Amino acid sequence: MVWQPSERYPDPAVQVLDASFKRLRNWMAAIERLATGFRWAEGPVWFGDGRFLLWSDIPDNRILRWSEETGEVSVFRAPSDHANGNTRDRAGRLVTCEHSTRRVTRTEYDGEITVLADEFDGKRLNSPNDVVTKSDGSVWFSDPTYGITGNYLGRRAESELPTGIYRIDPDSGEIVLLDDALAGPNGLAFSPDESRLYVNDSGSRPCRIYAFDVADGGHALTNRRVLLEVEDGIPDGVRVDVQGNLWVAWGVTRTGNDGVRVINPDGRIIGIVGLPEGCANLCFGGRWRNRLFMAASQSLYSLYVNTQGVAGG
């Protein structure tokens, strides 16, 4: 597809739906397409110490690397076991959700891979999808069935567990099921003070974005409630800015207005970053965590914004 960048500021594809979004928009920045030619781009994660971005191309079974200094795209890992979501733990190590192995892994400093989770209660996980780390070192991940329903995003297999949201304890390695009531738990992210966990349910119809209270000293979830019922499209990955707004990857809209929805903590959509492709996941990066990177179908995009992503997101 032909990408047509905006030739004027502010970029008309960055839409203000509520006055509160004006202070988050950088009016001197436009959406940029950094690379294209992938099958399904997912799971971007920023490495500021190396000035590069990693992201998954799930069907091609690889993790790719984009250099901020040169703009070059290279292969970071192949095969990747159909890697999907990625993040970094608080020690800077890569944490990855893998579909075909049905596990969550950590890449050590020397490149060795440590398995953090591949089963629960003696049964195999479905296909870990997205992952986030908390300041206490715990790893939280979603486990829907998207990677085992066919042979495109993983390997077809029978589900052994309900879809769920899990926590991995940083000290004991214990895996705890926190919630199993969502049809297709997907992207997840903490509020800036880590008192809330937001989870996108891409499997319900209509899709919903849920908010949970983080309880029991960060070991449990309570008070599940709907933050937003989605009228058009499917929410996927999510990250949160320092003001507490959710930046949600969005696609499959009837209107073709795919990209990113910006949602305030009260559940109101206040802005849109429009893309010509459905967006699967996103992250903040750059020197000041003020550059939004968007993995969208066949391409990778970015946009400088007037806010910052929360640390660890």
C-alpha atoms as a PDB file:
ATOM      1  CA  MET A   1       0.000   0.000   0.000  1.00  0.00           C
ATOM      2  CA  VAL A   2       1.129   3.556  -0.678  1.00  0.00           C
ATOM      3  CA  TRP A   3       1.978   5.534   2.452  1.00  0.00           C
ATOM      4  CA  GLN A   4       1.239   9.241   2.207  1.00  0.00           C
ATOM      5  CA  PRO A   5       2.814  11.174   5.098  1.00  0.00           C
ATOM      6  CA  SER A   6       1.280  14.487   6.036  1.00  0.00           C
ATOM      7  CA  GLU A   7       2.974  17.510   4.480  1.00  0.00           C
ATOM      8  CA  ARG A   8       1.603  19.899   7.048  1.00  0.00           C
ATOM      9  CA  TYR A   9       1.462  20.380  10.813  1.00  0.00           C
ATOM     10  CA  PRO A  10      -0.520  19.495  12.777  1.00  0.00           C
ATOM     11  CA  ASP A  11      -1.000  16.109  11.137  1.00  0.00           C
ATOM     12  CA  PRO A  12      -4.742  15.805  10.335  1.00  0.00           C
ATOM     13  CA  ALA A  13      -4.539  12.066  11.095  1.00  0.00           C
ATOM     14  CA  VAL A  14      -4.015  12.954  14.772  1.00  0.00           C
ATOM     15  CA  GLN A  15      -7.580  13.822  15.757  1.00  0.00           C
ATOM     16  CA  VAL A  16      -8.649  15.754  18.841  1.00  0.00           C
ATOM     17  CA  LEU A  17     -11.979  14.470  20.184  1.00  0.00           C
ATOM     18  CA  ASP A  18     -11.759  16.186  23.563  1.00  0.00           C
ATOM     19  CA  ALA A  19      -9.951  19.383  24.554  1.00  0.00           C
ATOM     20  CA  SER A  20      -7.861  17.440  27.073  1.00  0.00           C
ATOM     21  CA  PHE A  21      -6.073  15.678  24.209  1.00  0.00           C
ATOM     22  CA  LYS A  22      -4.657  18.952  22.856  1.00  0.00           C
ATOM     23  CA  ARG A  23      -1.951  19.039  25.522  1.00  0.00           C
ATOM     24  CA  LEU A  24      -0.906  15.469  24.631  1.00  0.00           C
ATOM     25  CA  ARG A  25      -0.564  16.160  20.903  1.00  0.00           C
ATOM     26  CA  ASN A  26       2.713  17.511  19.544  1.00  0.00           C
ATOM     27  CA  TRP A  27       1.443  19.807  16.829  1.00  0.00           C
ATOM     28  CA  MET A  28       4.906  19.974  15.204  1.00  0.00           C
ATOM     29  CA  ALA A  29       5.067  16.198  14.633  1.00  0.00           C
ATOM     30  CA  ALA A  30       3.568  13.923  11.992  1.00  0.00           C
ATOM     31  CA  ILE A  31       3.119  10.183  11.757  1.00  0.00           C
ATOM     32  CA  GLU A  32       6.115   8.459  10.170  1.00  0.00           C
ATOM     33  CA  ARG A  33       6.291   5.044   8.549  1.00  0.00           C
ATOM     34  CA  LEU A  34       9.612   3.558   9.626  1.00  0.00           C
ATOM     35  CA  ALA A  35       9.429   0.229   7.804  1.00  0.00           C
ATOM     36  CA  THR A  36       6.999  -2.029   5.956  1.00  0.00           C
ATOM     37  CA  GLY A  37       6.766  -5.441   4.311  1.00  0.00           C
ATOM     38  CA  PHE A  38       5.852  -7.645   7.278  1.00  0.00           C
ATOM     39  CA  ARG A  39       3.014 -10.128   7.683  1.00  0.00           C
ATOM     40  CA  TRP A  40       1.675  -9.219  11.136  1.00  0.00           C
ATOM     41  CA  ALA A  41       3.674  -6.777  13.256  1.00  0.00           C
ATOM     42  CA  GLU A  42       3.231  -7.035  17.022  1.00  0.00           C
ATOM     43  CA  GLY A  43       4.819  -6.504  20.420  1.00  0.00           C
ATOM     44  CA  PRO A  44       7.172  -3.479  20.076  1.00  0.00           C
ATOM     45  CA  VAL A  45       9.626  -2.830  22.930  1.00  0.00           C
ATOM     46  CA  TRP A  46      12.163  -0.017  23.225  1.00  0.00           C
ATOM     47  CA  PHE A  47      15.818  -0.469  24.217  1.00  0.00           C
ATOM     48  CA  GLY A  48      17.043   3.019  25.026  1.00  0.00           C
ATOM     49  CA  ASP A  49      20.496   1.841  26.060  1.00  0.00           C
ATOM     50  CA  GLY A  50      21.037   0.587  22.518  1.00  0.00           C
ATOM     51  CA  ARG A  51      18.780   3.080  20.720  1.00  0.00           C
ATOM     52  CA  PHE A  52      16.803   0.358  18.993  1.00  0.00           C
ATOM     53  CA  LEU A  53      13.318  -1.095  18.885  1.00  0.00           C
ATOM     54  CA  LEU A  54      12.417  -4.777  18.775  1.00  0.00           C
ATOM     55  CA  TRP A  55       9.091  -6.092  17.532  1.00  0.00           C
ATOM     56  CA  SER A  56       7.556  -9.390  16.446  1.00  0.00           C
ATOM     57  CA  ASP A  57       6.503 -10.482  12.975  1.00  0.00           C
ATOM     58  CA  ILE A  58       4.455 -13.447  14.167  1.00  0.00           C
ATOM     59  CA  PRO A  59       3.642 -15.378  10.953  1.00  0.00           C
ATOM     60  CA  ASP A  60       7.236 -15.057   9.727  1.00  0.00           C
ATOM     61  CA  ASN A  61       8.414 -16.455  13.074  1.00  0.00           C
ATOM     62  CA  ARG A  62      10.938 -13.728  13.823  1.00  0.00           C
ATOM     63  CA  ILE A  63      11.731 -10.753  16.031  1.00  0.00           C
ATOM     64  CA  LEU A  64      13.000  -7.714  14.124  1.00  0.00           C
ATOM     65  CA  ARG A  65      15.230  -4.820  15.132  1.00  0.00           C
ATOM     66  CA  TRP A  66      15.006  -1.181  14.000  1.00  0.00           C
ATOM     67  CA  SER A  67      17.966   1.127  14.664  1.00  0.00           C
ATOM     68  CA  GLU A  68      17.195   4.718  15.636  1.00  0.00           C
ATOM     69  CA  GLU A  69      20.659   5.781  14.494  1.00  0.00           C
ATOM     70  CA  THR A  70      20.634   4.268  11.002  1.00  0.00           C
ATOM     71  CA  GLY A  71      16.997   3.416  10.296  1.00  0.00           C
ATOM     72  CA  GLU A  72      18.076  -0.095   9.345  1.00  0.00           C
ATOM     73  CA  VAL A  73      15.856  -3.116   9.940  1.00  0.00           C
ATOM     74  CA  SER A  74      17.533  -6.421  10.750  1.00  0.00           C
ATOM     75  CA  VAL A  75      16.586  -9.798  12.185  1.00  0.00           C
ATOM     76  CA  PHE A  76      17.124 -10.018  15.937  1.00  0.00           C
ATOM     77  CA  ARG A  77      15.914 -13.606  16.386  1.00  0.00           C
ATOM     78  CA  ALA A  78      14.689 -16.268  13.980  1.00  0.00           C
ATOM     79  CA  PRO A  79      13.008 -18.537  14.625  1.00  0.00           C
ATOM     80  CA  SER A  80      11.292 -16.747  17.484  1.00  0.00           C
ATOM     81  CA  ASP A  81       8.799 -19.508  18.355  1.00  0.00           C
ATOM     82  CA  HIS A  82       6.130 -17.202  16.950  1.00  0.00           C
ATOM     83  CA  ALA A  83       6.841 -14.495  19.505  1.00  0.00           C
ATOM     84  CA  ASN A  84       4.034 -12.029  20.148  1.00  0.00           C
ATOM     85  CA  GLY A  85       4.170  -9.528  23.027  1.00  0.00           C
ATOM     86  CA  ASN A  86       7.486  -8.224  24.374  1.00  0.00           C
ATOM     87  CA  THR A  87       8.560  -6.024  27.246  1.00  0.00           C
ATOM     88  CA  ARG A  88      11.605  -5.469  29.456  1.00  0.00           C
ATOM     89  CA  ASP A  89      11.846  -6.409  33.095  1.00  0.00           C
ATOM     90  CA  ARG A  90      13.133  -3.922  35.652  1.00  0.00           C
ATOM     91  CA  ALA A  91      16.668  -5.285  35.132  1.00  0.00           C
ATOM     92  CA  GLY A  92      16.457  -4.445  31.418  1.00  0.00           C
ATOM     93  CA  ARG A  93      16.082  -7.994  30.119  1.00  0.00           C
ATOM     94  CA  LEU A  94      13.760  -8.909  27.265  1.00  0.00           C
ATOM     95  CA  VAL A  95      10.587 -10.771  28.297  1.00  0.00           C
ATOM     96  CA  THR A  96       8.654 -12.443  25.481  1.00  0.00           C
ATOM     97  CA  CYS A  97       5.360 -14.263  24.959  1.00  0.00           C
ATOM     98  CA  GLU A  98       5.756 -17.192  22.554  1.00  0.00           C
ATOM     99  CA  HIS A  99       2.867 -18.836  20.736  1.00  0.00           C
ATOM    100  CA  SER A 100       4.257 -22.063  19.301  1.00  0.00           C
ATOM    101  CA  THR A 101       5.994 -23.043  22.560  1.00  0.00           C
ATOM    102  CA  ARG A 102       3.088 -21.698  24.637  1.00  0.00           C
ATOM    103  CA  ARG A 103       5.389 -20.024  27.129  1.00  0.00           C
ATOM    104  CA  VAL A 104       6.765 -16.790  28.568  1.00  0.00           C
ATOM    105  CA  THR A 105      10.552 -16.435  28.403  1.00  0.00           C
ATOM    106  CA  ARG A 106      13.298 -14.073  29.532  1.00  0.00           C
ATOM    107  CA  THR A 107      16.434 -13.402  27.499  1.00  0.00           C
ATOM    108  CA  GLU A 108      19.437 -13.156  29.787  1.00  0.00           C
ATOM    109  CA  TYR A 109      22.318 -10.728  29.270  1.00  0.00           C
ATOM    110  CA  ASP A 110      24.395 -13.460  27.624  1.00  0.00           C
ATOM    111  CA  GLY A 111      21.583 -14.415  25.236  1.00  0.00           C
ATOM    112  CA  GLU A 112      20.484 -17.535  27.067  1.00  0.00           C
ATOM    113  CA  ILE A 113      16.728 -18.027  27.313  1.00  0.00           C
ATOM    114  CA  THR A 114      15.038 -18.753  30.635  1.00  0.00           C
ATOM    115  CA  VAL A 115      11.507 -20.159  30.698  1.00  0.00           C
ATOM    116  CA  LEU A 116       9.382 -18.192  33.175  1.00  0.00           C
ATOM    117  CA  ALA A 117       6.057 -19.946  32.551  1.00  0.00           C
ATOM    118  CA  ASP A 118       4.774 -22.693  30.267  1.00  0.00           C
ATOM    119  CA  GLU A 119       2.141 -24.443  32.382  1.00  0.00           C
ATOM    120  CA  PHE A 120      -0.279 -23.912  35.218  1.00  0.00           C
ATOM    121  CA  ASP A 121      -1.773 -26.538  37.496  1.00  0.00           C
ATOM    122  CA  GLY A 122      -0.040 -29.244  35.459  1.00  0.00           C
ATOM    123  CA  LYS A 123      -1.579 -28.109  32.159  1.00  0.00           C
ATOM    124  CA  ARG A 124      -0.024 -26.254  29.230  1.00  0.00           C
ATOM    125  CA  LEU A 125      -0.749 -22.572  28.795  1.00  0.00           C
ATOM    126  CA  ASN A 126      -2.761 -21.579  25.719  1.00  0.00           C
ATOM    127  CA  SER A 127      -0.655 -19.014  23.868  1.00  0.00           C
ATOM    128  CA  PRO A 128       0.708 -16.176  26.030  1.00  0.00           C
ATOM    129  CA  ASN A 129      -0.097 -12.958  24.207  1.00  0.00           C
ATOM    130  CA  ASP A 130       1.035  -9.803  25.969  1.00  0.00           C
ATOM    131  CA  VAL A 131       3.171  -9.067  29.007  1.00  0.00           C
ATOM    132  CA  VAL A 132       4.020  -6.262  31.410  1.00  0.00           C
ATOM    133  CA  THR A 133       6.319  -6.042  34.414  1.00  0.00           C
ATOM    134  CA  LYS A 134       5.632  -4.364  37.731  1.00  0.00           C
ATOM    135  CA  SER A 135       8.080  -2.361  39.840  1.00  0.00           C
ATOM    136  CA  ASP A 136       8.343  -5.238  42.335  1.00  0.00           C
ATOM    137  CA  GLY A 137       9.798  -7.408  39.552  1.00  0.00           C
ATOM    138  CA  SER A 138       6.685  -9.516  39.005  1.00  0.00           C
ATOM    139  CA  VAL A 139       5.670 -10.437  35.450  1.00  0.00           C
ATOM    140  CA  TRP A 140       1.998 -10.257  34.426  1.00  0.00           C
ATOM    141  CA  PHE A 141       0.722 -11.786  31.190  1.00  0.00           C
ATOM    142  CA  SER A 142      -2.457 -12.596  29.282  1.00  0.00           C
ATOM    143  CA  ASP A 143      -3.156 -16.070  27.918  1.00  0.00           C
ATOM    144  CA  PRO A 144      -5.886 -16.253  25.249  1.00  0.00           C
ATOM    145  CA  THR A 145      -6.085 -18.949  22.551  1.00  0.00           C
ATOM    146  CA  TYR A 146      -5.200 -16.913  19.448  1.00  0.00           C
ATOM    147  CA  GLY A 147      -1.897 -18.738  18.864  1.00  0.00           C
ATOM    148  CA  ILE A 148      -3.376 -22.250  18.949  1.00  0.00           C
ATOM    149  CA  THR A 149      -6.485 -21.782  16.783  1.00  0.00           C
ATOM    150  CA  GLY A 150      -4.506 -22.254  13.547  1.00  0.00           C
ATOM    151  CA  ASN A 151      -1.070 -22.600  11.981  1.00  0.00           C
ATOM    152  CA  TYR A 152      -0.544 -18.960  10.993  1.00  0.00           C
ATOM    153  CA  LEU A 153       0.199 -17.282  14.326  1.00  0.00           C
ATOM    154  CA  GLY A 154       1.474 -20.431  15.995  1.00  0.00           C
ATOM    155  CA  ARG A 155       0.542 -24.111  15.961  1.00  0.00           C
ATOM    156  CA  ARG A 156      -2.962 -25.529  16.074  1.00  0.00           C
ATOM    157  CA  ALA A 157      -3.576 -27.300  19.375  1.00  0.00           C
ATOM    158  CA  GLU A 158      -6.245 -28.060  21.931  1.00  0.00           C
ATOM    159  CA  SER A 159      -6.752 -25.657  24.788  1.00  0.00           C
ATOM    160  CA  GLU A 160      -6.045 -27.171  28.201  1.00  0.00           C
ATOM    161  CA  LEU A 161      -6.837 -24.135  30.358  1.00  0.00           C
ATOM    162  CA  PRO A 162      -9.385 -21.316  30.457  1.00  0.00           C
ATOM    163  CA  THR A 163      -8.184 -18.037  29.020  1.00  0.00           C
ATOM    164  CA  GLY A 164      -6.576 -16.078  31.830  1.00  0.00           C
ATOM    165  CA  ILE A 165      -4.443 -13.348  33.335  1.00  0.00           C
ATOM    166  CA  TYR A 166      -1.434 -14.531  35.338  1.00  0.00           C
ATOM    167  CA  ARG A 167       1.245 -13.206  37.677  1.00  0.00           C
ATOM    168  CA  ILE A 168       4.755 -14.662  38.008  1.00  0.00           C
ATOM    169  CA  ASP A 169       6.341 -14.013  41.389  1.00  0.00           C
ATOM    170  CA  PRO A 170       9.838 -12.492  41.082  1.00  0.00           C
ATOM    171  CA  ASP A 171      11.281 -14.433  44.016  1.00  0.00           C
ATOM    172  CA  SER A 172       9.651 -17.854  44.015  1.00  0.00           C
ATOM    173  CA  GLY A 173       8.676 -18.058  40.336  1.00  0.00           C
ATOM    174  CA  GLU A 174       5.187 -19.119  41.418  1.00  0.00           C
ATOM    175  CA  ILE A 175       2.534 -18.642  38.727  1.00  0.00           C
ATOM    176  CA  VAL A 176      -0.831 -17.411  39.996  1.00  0.00           C
ATOM    177  CA  LEU A 177      -4.065 -17.213  37.995  1.00  0.00           C
ATOM    178  CA  LEU A 178      -5.558 -13.784  38.701  1.00  0.00           C
ATOM    179  CA  ASP A 179      -8.661 -13.845  36.494  1.00  0.00           C
ATOM    180  CA  ASP A 180     -10.243 -16.299  34.049  1.00  0.00           C
ATOM    181  CA  ALA A 181     -13.503 -14.516  33.216  1.00  0.00           C
ATOM    182  CA  LEU A 182     -12.499 -12.690  30.011  1.00  0.00           C
ATOM    183  CA  ALA A 183     -13.199 -14.252  26.613  1.00  0.00           C
ATOM    184  CA  GLY A 184      -9.937 -13.104  25.017  1.00  0.00           C
ATOM    185  CA  PRO A 185      -7.623 -11.224  27.407  1.00  0.00           C
ATOM    186  CA  ASN A 186      -5.105  -9.340  25.304  1.00  0.00           C
ATOM    187  CA  GLY A 187      -3.113  -6.154  25.942  1.00  0.00           C
ATOM    188  CA  LEU A 188      -2.522  -5.144  29.546  1.00  0.00           C
ATOM    189  CA  ALA A 189      -0.892  -2.223  31.337  1.00  0.00           C
ATOM    190  CA  PHE A 190      -0.650  -0.682  34.794  1.00  0.00           C
ATOM    191  CA  SER A 191      -1.726   2.799  35.785  1.00  0.00           C
ATOM    192  CA  PRO A 192       1.184   5.098  36.723  1.00  0.00           C
ATOM    193  CA  ASP A 193       0.862   4.302  40.446  1.00  0.00           C
ATOM    194  CA  GLU A 194       0.251   0.584  39.715  1.00  0.00           C
ATOM    195  CA  SER A 195      -3.028   0.649  41.636  1.00  0.00           C
ATOM    196  CA  ARG A 196      -4.965  -0.386  38.515  1.00  0.00           C
ATOM    197  CA  LEU A 197      -4.439  -2.975  35.795  1.00  0.00           C
ATOM    198  CA  TYR A 198      -6.121  -2.363  32.453  1.00  0.00           C
ATOM    199  CA  VAL A 199      -6.875  -5.351  30.208  1.00  0.00           C
ATOM    200  CA  ASN A 200      -8.320  -5.368  26.703  1.00  0.00           C
ATOM    201  CA  ASP A 201     -10.775  -8.180  25.993  1.00  0.00           C
ATOM    202  CA  SER A 202     -10.554  -8.709  22.229  1.00  0.00           C
ATOM    203  CA  GLY A 203     -12.619 -11.894  22.338  1.00  0.00           C
ATOM    204  CA  SER A 204     -15.923 -10.560  23.645  1.00  0.00           C
ATOM    205  CA  ARG A 205     -18.570  -9.055  21.383  1.00  0.00           C
ATOM    206  CA  PRO A 206     -18.741  -6.200  21.790  1.00  0.00           C
ATOM    207  CA  CYS A 207     -15.104  -5.918  22.827  1.00  0.00           C
ATOM    208  CA  ARG A 208     -14.464  -4.366  26.209  1.00  0.00           C
ATOM    209  CA  ILE A 209     -11.646  -2.679  28.081  1.00  0.00           C
ATOM    210  CA  TYR A 210     -11.580  -3.634  31.752  1.00  0.00           C
ATOM    211  CA  ALA A 211     -10.067  -2.001  34.799  1.00  0.00           C
ATOM    212  CA  PHE A 212      -9.060  -4.001  37.880  1.00  0.00           C
ATOM    213  CA  ASP A 213      -7.858  -2.827  41.271  1.00  0.00           C
ATOM    214  CA  VAL A 214      -4.469  -4.261  42.229  1.00  0.00           C
ATOM    215  CA  ALA A 215      -4.868  -5.662  45.764  1.00  0.00           C
ATOM    216  CA  ASP A 216      -3.123  -7.728  48.422  1.00  0.00           C
ATOM    217  CA  GLY A 217       0.168  -5.867  48.141  1.00  0.00           C
ATOM    218  CA  GLY A 218       0.298  -6.305  44.372  1.00  0.00           C
ATOM    219  CA  HIS A 219      -0.531 -10.013  44.404  1.00  0.00           C
ATOM    220  CA  ALA A 220      -4.198 -10.029  43.368  1.00  0.00           C
ATOM    221  CA  LEU A 221      -6.865  -8.371  41.226  1.00  0.00           C
ATOM    222  CA  THR A 222     -10.256  -7.216  42.525  1.00  0.00           C
ATOM    223  CA  ASN A 223     -13.215  -5.091  41.456  1.00  0.00           C
ATOM    224  CA  ARG A 224     -13.266  -6.014  37.763  1.00  0.00           C
ATOM    225  CA  ARG A 225     -15.344  -3.449  35.879  1.00  0.00           C
ATOM    226  CA  VAL A 226     -15.854  -2.288  32.309  1.00  0.00           C
ATOM    227  CA  LEU A 227     -13.931   0.886  31.570  1.00  0.00           C
ATOM    228  CA  LEU A 228     -15.138   1.109  27.975  1.00  0.00           C
ATOM    229  CA  GLU A 229     -17.467  -0.965  25.804  1.00  0.00           C
ATOM    230  CA  VAL A 230     -16.181  -0.719  22.257  1.00  0.00           C
ATOM    231  CA  GLU A 231     -18.679   0.348  19.603  1.00  0.00           C
ATOM    232  CA  ASP A 232     -16.440  -0.016  16.538  1.00  0.00           C
ATOM    233  CA  GLY A 233     -13.233  -2.004  16.147  1.00  0.00           C
ATOM    234  CA  ILE A 234     -11.071  -4.317  18.235  1.00  0.00           C
ATOM    235  CA  PRO A 235      -8.665  -3.083  20.946  1.00  0.00           C
ATOM    236  CA  ASP A 236      -5.356  -4.934  21.124  1.00  0.00           C
ATOM    237  CA  GLY A 237      -2.153  -3.770  22.863  1.00  0.00           C
ATOM    238  CA  VAL A 238      -2.146  -0.922  25.396  1.00  0.00           C
ATOM    239  CA  ARG A 239       0.330   1.392  27.103  1.00  0.00           C
ATOM    240  CA  VAL A 240      -0.234   4.185  29.623  1.00  0.00           C
ATOM    241  CA  ASP A 241       1.229   7.690  29.779  1.00  0.00           C
ATOM    242  CA  VAL A 242       2.360   9.534  32.903  1.00  0.00           C
ATOM    243  CA  GLN A 243      -0.995  11.372  33.107  1.00  0.00           C
ATOM    244  CA  GLY A 244      -2.775   8.017  33.301  1.00  0.00           C
ATOM    245  CA  ASN A 245      -4.252   7.969  29.791  1.00  0.00           C
ATOM    246  CA  LEU A 246      -4.470   4.678  27.897  1.00  0.00           C
ATOM    247  CA  TRP A 247      -3.002   4.508  24.382  1.00  0.00           C
ATOM    248  CA  VAL A 248      -4.754   1.530  22.810  1.00  0.00           C
ATOM    249  CA  ALA A 249      -3.877  -0.200  19.531  1.00  0.00           C
ATOM    250  CA  TRP A 250      -7.051  -0.406  17.444  1.00  0.00           C
ATOM    251  CA  GLY A 251      -8.148  -2.157  14.276  1.00  0.00           C
ATOM    252  CA  VAL A 252     -10.897  -3.843  12.273  1.00  0.00           C
ATOM    253  CA  THR A 253     -13.139  -0.790  12.342  1.00  0.00           C
ATOM    254  CA  ARG A 254     -16.209  -0.491  10.127  1.00  0.00           C
ATOM    255  CA  THR A 255     -15.229   3.083   9.355  1.00  0.00           C
ATOM    256  CA  GLY A 256     -11.627   2.285   8.388  1.00  0.00           C
ATOM    257  CA  ASN A 257     -10.460   4.666  11.111  1.00  0.00           C
ATOM    258  CA  ASP A 258      -7.820   2.263  12.451  1.00  0.00           C
ATOM    259  CA  GLY A 259      -4.738   3.170  14.474  1.00  0.00           C
ATOM    260  CA  VAL A 260      -4.681   4.191  18.139  1.00  0.00           C
ATOM    261  CA  ARG A 261      -7.382   5.386  20.519  1.00  0.00           C
ATOM    262  CA  VAL A 262      -6.380   7.556  23.472  1.00  0.00           C
ATOM    263  CA  ILE A 263      -8.672   6.984  26.448  1.00  0.00           C
ATOM    264  CA  ASN A 264      -8.649   8.905  29.708  1.00  0.00           C
ATOM    265  CA  PRO A 265      -8.821   7.122  33.095  1.00  0.00           C
ATOM    266  CA  ASP A 266     -12.589   7.685  33.181  1.00  0.00           C
ATOM    267  CA  GLY A 267     -13.046   5.639  29.997  1.00  0.00           C
ATOM    268  CA  ARG A 268     -13.664   8.478  27.533  1.00  0.00           C
ATOM    269  CA  ILE A 269     -11.977   8.450  24.109  1.00  0.00           C
ATOM    270  CA  ILE A 270     -10.219  11.800  23.811  1.00  0.00           C
ATOM    271  CA  GLY A 271      -8.061  11.381  20.719  1.00  0.00           C
ATOM    272  CA  ILE A 272      -7.213   9.215  17.706  1.00  0.00           C
ATOM    273  CA  VAL A 273      -3.954   8.521  15.914  1.00  0.00           C
ATOM    274  CA  GLY A 274      -5.194   7.403  12.507  1.00  0.00           C
ATOM    275  CA  LEU A 275      -3.239   4.831  10.511  1.00  0.00           C
ATOM    276  CA  PRO A 276      -3.933   3.224   7.120  1.00  0.00           C
ATOM    277  CA  GLU A 277      -3.589  -0.224   8.734  1.00  0.00           C
ATOM    278  CA  GLY A 278      -5.012  -1.874  11.812  1.00  0.00           C
ATOM    279  CA  CYS A 279      -2.697  -1.417  14.785  1.00  0.00           C
ATOM    280  CA  ALA A 280      -1.861  -4.466  16.913  1.00  0.00           C
ATOM    281  CA  ASN A 281       0.441  -3.080  19.600  1.00  0.00           C
ATOM    282  CA  LEU A 282       2.482  -0.072  20.636  1.00  0.00           C
ATOM    283  CA  CYS A 283       5.016   1.272  23.084  1.00  0.00           C
ATOM    284  CA  PHE A 284       6.685   4.516  24.114  1.00  0.00           C
ATOM    285  CA  GLY A 285      10.381   5.029  23.432  1.00  0.00           C
ATOM    286  CA  GLY A 286      13.018   7.503  22.378  1.00  0.00           C
ATOM    287  CA  ARG A 287      15.296   9.456  24.685  1.00  0.00           C
ATOM    288  CA  TRP A 288      12.415  10.877  26.746  1.00  0.00           C
ATOM    289  CA  ARG A 289       9.813   8.113  26.217  1.00  0.00           C
ATOM    290  CA  ASN A 290       7.846  10.628  24.142  1.00  0.00           C
ATOM    291  CA  ARG A 291       7.929   8.751  20.842  1.00  0.00           C
ATOM    292  CA  LEU A 292       5.025   6.409  20.229  1.00  0.00           C
ATOM    293  CA  PHE A 293       5.966   3.308  18.207  1.00  0.00           C
ATOM    294  CA  MET A 294       3.071   1.456  16.565  1.00  0.00           C
ATOM    295  CA  ALA A 295       3.193  -2.067  15.138  1.00  0.00           C
ATOM    296  CA  ALA A 296       0.389  -2.021  12.603  1.00  0.00           C
ATOM    297  CA  SER A 297      -0.368  -5.014  10.378  1.00  0.00           C
ATOM    298  CA  GLN A 298       2.366  -4.888   7.719  1.00  0.00           C
ATOM    299  CA  SER A 299       4.236  -1.796   8.926  1.00  0.00           C
ATOM    300  CA  LEU A 300       5.961   0.013  11.784  1.00  0.00           C
ATOM    301  CA  TYR A 301       5.014   3.649  12.486  1.00  0.00           C
ATOM    302  CA  SER A 302       6.023   6.320  14.979  1.00  0.00           C
ATOM    303  CA  LEU A 303       4.768   9.649  16.272  1.00  0.00           C
ATOM    304  CA  TYR A 304       6.305  12.135  18.703  1.00  0.00           C
ATOM    305  CA  VAL A 305       3.783  13.139  21.352  1.00  0.00           C
ATOM    306  CA  ASN A 306       3.650  15.720  24.139  1.00  0.00           C
ATOM    307  CA  THR A 307       3.653  13.222  26.997  1.00  0.00           C
ATOM    308  CA  GLN A 308       5.734  10.295  28.211  1.00  0.00           C
ATOM    309  CA  GLY A 309       5.035   6.625  28.659  1.00  0.00           C
ATOM    310  CA  VAL A 310       5.253   5.319  32.200  1.00  0.00           C
ATOM    311  CA  ALA A 311       8.518   3.605  33.103  1.00  0.00           C
ATOM    312  CA  GLY A 312       8.499  -0.090  32.363  1.00  0.00           C
ATOM    313  CA  GLY A 313       5.783   0.231  29.742  1.00  0.00           C
END
